[in-house]
Amino acid sequence: MLRDDSDAYRITWLIRRLFRAMRQKANEQLAGRGLTAADRAVLEFLSAAGALTVPEIATRYQVSRQHIQVTVNGLVAKGLLTTRKNPQHKRSLLIALTARGRKLFACILGEDLATVEEWFAEMPAAERRDLRRTLESLLQRITEGETS
């Protein structure tokens, strides 16, 4: 039960519910591949960025280094990620997708895009753009420390 009926609180509550629902949907879709939403996220981070260290992934995406390390270790064991020496740092390896990891993530991304389009099918393009701008603005305010 909500404790506050303000729009700000209700929006925050809805975003949290959406996040949980989307994570659950992702876990259901990925289960057949032996992956989780956390695995998918790391594959996506590396697909976009190329090679990163575990601390770089954790910092960029605001998750714990330990969580990323555990996830990376599992994906390396599955042959989806590889490690290589980092010329910038002797102890922090660079992590990257293998060819198999790139191919698998491309399939996952294609399925995700179809699902997301279904979710937004009834929302006009202008509303989508407004919602995107609003969420981007909120994220920026939170991550840049403008709010407590």
Protein backbone atom coordinates (compact mmCIF):
# COMPACT_ATOMS: atom_id res chain seq x y z
CA MET A 1 0.00 0.00 0.00
CA LEU A 2 1.30 3.43 -0.90
CA ARG A 3 2.05 5.76 1.96
CA ASP A 4 2.02 8.92 -0.10
CA ASP A 5 -0.36 9.95 -2.89
CA SER A 6 1.90 12.64 -4.35
CA ASP A 7 2.59 12.32 -8.07
CA ALA A 8 6.34 12.19 -7.44
CA TYR A 9 6.03 9.28 -5.03
CA ARG A 10 3.56 7.39 -7.23
CA ILE A 11 5.82 7.83 -10.29
CA THR A 12 8.80 6.53 -8.30
CA TRP A 13 6.74 3.59 -7.07
CA LEU A 14 5.65 2.80 -10.64
CA ILE A 15 9.23 2.97 -11.95
CA ARG A 16 10.31 0.49 -9.27
CA ARG A 17 7.44 -1.83 -10.19
CA LEU A 18 8.29 -1.50 -13.89
CA PHE A 19 11.93 -2.32 -13.19
CA ARG A 20 10.97 -5.47 -11.28
CA ALA A 21 8.44 -6.53 -13.92
CA MET A 22 10.95 -5.97 -16.72
CA ARG A 23 13.66 -7.91 -14.85
CA GLN A 24 11.22 -10.79 -14.32
CA LYS A 25 10.22 -10.79 -18.00
CA ALA A 26 13.90 -10.73 -19.03
CA ASN A 27 14.70 -13.63 -16.69
CA GLU A 28 11.82 -15.64 -18.16
CA GLN A 29 12.96 -14.96 -21.73
CA LEU A 30 16.61 -15.75 -20.94
CA ALA A 31 16.03 -18.89 -18.86
CA GLY A 32 16.17 -21.16 -21.89
CA ARG A 33 19.64 -19.86 -22.65
CA GLY A 34 20.87 -20.37 -19.10
CA LEU A 35 21.24 -16.61 -18.59
CA THR A 36 19.81 -14.03 -16.21
CA ALA A 37 18.92 -10.38 -16.62
CA ALA A 38 22.23 -9.52 -14.90
CA ASP A 39 24.10 -11.62 -17.48
CA ARG A 40 22.22 -9.88 -20.27
CA ALA A 41 23.09 -6.47 -18.84
CA VAL A 42 26.83 -7.24 -18.81
CA LEU A 43 26.63 -8.53 -22.39
CA GLU A 44 24.88 -5.30 -23.38
CA PHE A 45 27.41 -3.09 -21.58
CA LEU A 46 30.28 -4.78 -23.39
CA SER A 47 28.48 -4.87 -26.72
CA ALA A 48 28.16 -1.09 -26.59
CA ALA A 49 31.58 -0.29 -25.12
CA GLY A 50 33.89 -2.97 -26.49
CA ALA A 51 36.38 -4.00 -23.82
CA LEU A 52 36.12 -2.74 -20.23
CA THR A 53 37.52 -3.70 -16.86
CA VAL A 54 35.24 -4.95 -14.09
CA PRO A 55 35.68 -1.67 -12.14
CA GLU A 56 34.84 0.36 -15.27
CA ILE A 57 31.63 -1.61 -15.82
CA ALA A 58 30.66 -1.20 -12.16
CA THR A 59 31.32 2.54 -12.18
CA ARG A 60 29.60 3.26 -15.51
CA TYR A 61 26.49 1.32 -14.68
CA GLN A 62 26.33 2.02 -10.94
CA VAL A 63 26.45 -1.54 -9.67
CA SER A 64 28.84 -3.19 -7.23
CA ARG A 65 32.19 -4.38 -8.49
CA GLN A 66 31.66 -7.70 -6.72
CA HIS A 67 28.34 -8.27 -8.51
CA ILE A 68 29.95 -7.55 -11.87
CA GLN A 69 32.92 -9.82 -11.09
CA VAL A 70 30.66 -12.76 -10.22
CA THR A 71 28.59 -12.20 -13.37
CA VAL A 72 31.68 -11.84 -15.57
CA ASN A 73 33.20 -15.03 -14.13
CA GLY A 74 30.05 -16.97 -15.02
CA LEU A 75 29.95 -15.56 -18.55
CA VAL A 76 33.65 -16.34 -19.10
CA ALA A 77 32.97 -19.93 -17.98
CA LYS A 78 30.15 -20.13 -20.55
CA GLY A 79 32.46 -18.92 -23.32
CA LEU A 80 30.56 -15.67 -23.87
CA LEU A 81 33.28 -13.35 -22.56
CA THR A 82 37.04 -13.36 -22.73
CA THR A 83 39.72 -11.64 -20.71
CA ARG A 84 42.97 -10.12 -21.88
CA LYS A 85 45.82 -8.15 -20.42
CA ASN A 86 45.18 -4.49 -19.83
CA PRO A 87 48.05 -2.27 -20.97
CA GLN A 88 46.77 0.44 -18.60
CA HIS A 89 46.70 -1.70 -15.45
CA LYS A 90 48.55 -4.93 -14.60
CA ARG A 91 45.94 -6.37 -12.20
CA SER A 92 42.68 -5.32 -13.88
CA LEU A 93 42.00 -7.39 -16.98
CA LEU A 94 40.00 -6.16 -19.96
CA ILE A 95 36.74 -8.04 -20.50
CA ALA A 96 35.18 -8.38 -23.96
CA LEU A 97 32.56 -10.42 -25.79
CA THR A 98 33.71 -13.51 -27.64
CA ALA A 99 32.39 -14.12 -31.16
CA ARG A 100 29.86 -16.49 -29.58
CA GLY A 101 28.89 -13.81 -27.04
CA ARG A 102 28.39 -11.20 -29.80
CA LYS A 103 26.24 -13.57 -31.83
CA LEU A 104 24.13 -14.55 -28.82
CA PHE A 105 23.65 -10.95 -27.70
CA ALA A 106 22.57 -9.96 -31.23
CA CYS A 107 19.82 -12.62 -31.04
CA ILE A 108 18.79 -11.51 -27.54
CA LEU A 109 18.71 -7.87 -28.59
CA GLY A 110 16.52 -8.67 -31.60
CA GLU A 111 14.03 -10.47 -29.36
CA ASP A 112 14.15 -7.63 -26.82
CA LEU A 113 13.45 -5.01 -29.46
CA ALA A 114 10.38 -6.93 -30.64
CA THR A 115 9.10 -7.24 -27.06
CA VAL A 116 9.67 -3.56 -26.30
CA GLU A 117 7.88 -2.51 -29.48
CA GLU A 118 4.89 -4.60 -28.38
CA TRP A 119 4.88 -2.86 -24.99
CA PHE A 120 4.81 0.56 -26.63
CA ALA A 121 2.63 -0.28 -29.63
CA GLU A 122 -0.36 1.72 -28.37
CA MET A 123 1.68 4.78 -27.32
CA PRO A 124 1.95 7.54 -29.95
CA ALA A 125 5.48 8.51 -31.03
CA ALA A 126 5.19 11.98 -29.49
CA GLU A 127 4.28 10.48 -26.10
CA ARG A 128 7.23 8.10 -26.36
CA ARG A 129 9.60 11.00 -27.02
CA ASP A 130 8.17 13.00 -24.10
CA LEU A 131 8.44 10.01 -21.77
CA ARG A 132 12.02 9.37 -22.88
CA ARG A 133 13.00 13.01 -22.30
CA THR A 134 11.36 13.01 -18.88
CA LEU A 135 13.07 9.80 -17.78
CA GLU A 136 16.44 10.97 -19.14
CA SER A 137 16.08 14.23 -17.23
CA LEU A 138 15.15 12.43 -14.01
CA LEU A 139 18.07 10.02 -14.37
CA GLN A 140 20.46 12.89 -14.99
CA ARG A 141 19.21 14.77 -11.92
CA ILE A 142 19.63 11.68 -9.75
CA THR A 143 23.03 10.61 -11.07
CA GLU A 144 24.49 14.11 -11.01
CA GLY A 145 23.51 14.54 -7.39
CA GLU A 146 20.99 17.34 -7.82
CA THR A 147 18.63 15.51 -5.47
CA SER A 148 19.36 13.88 -2.16
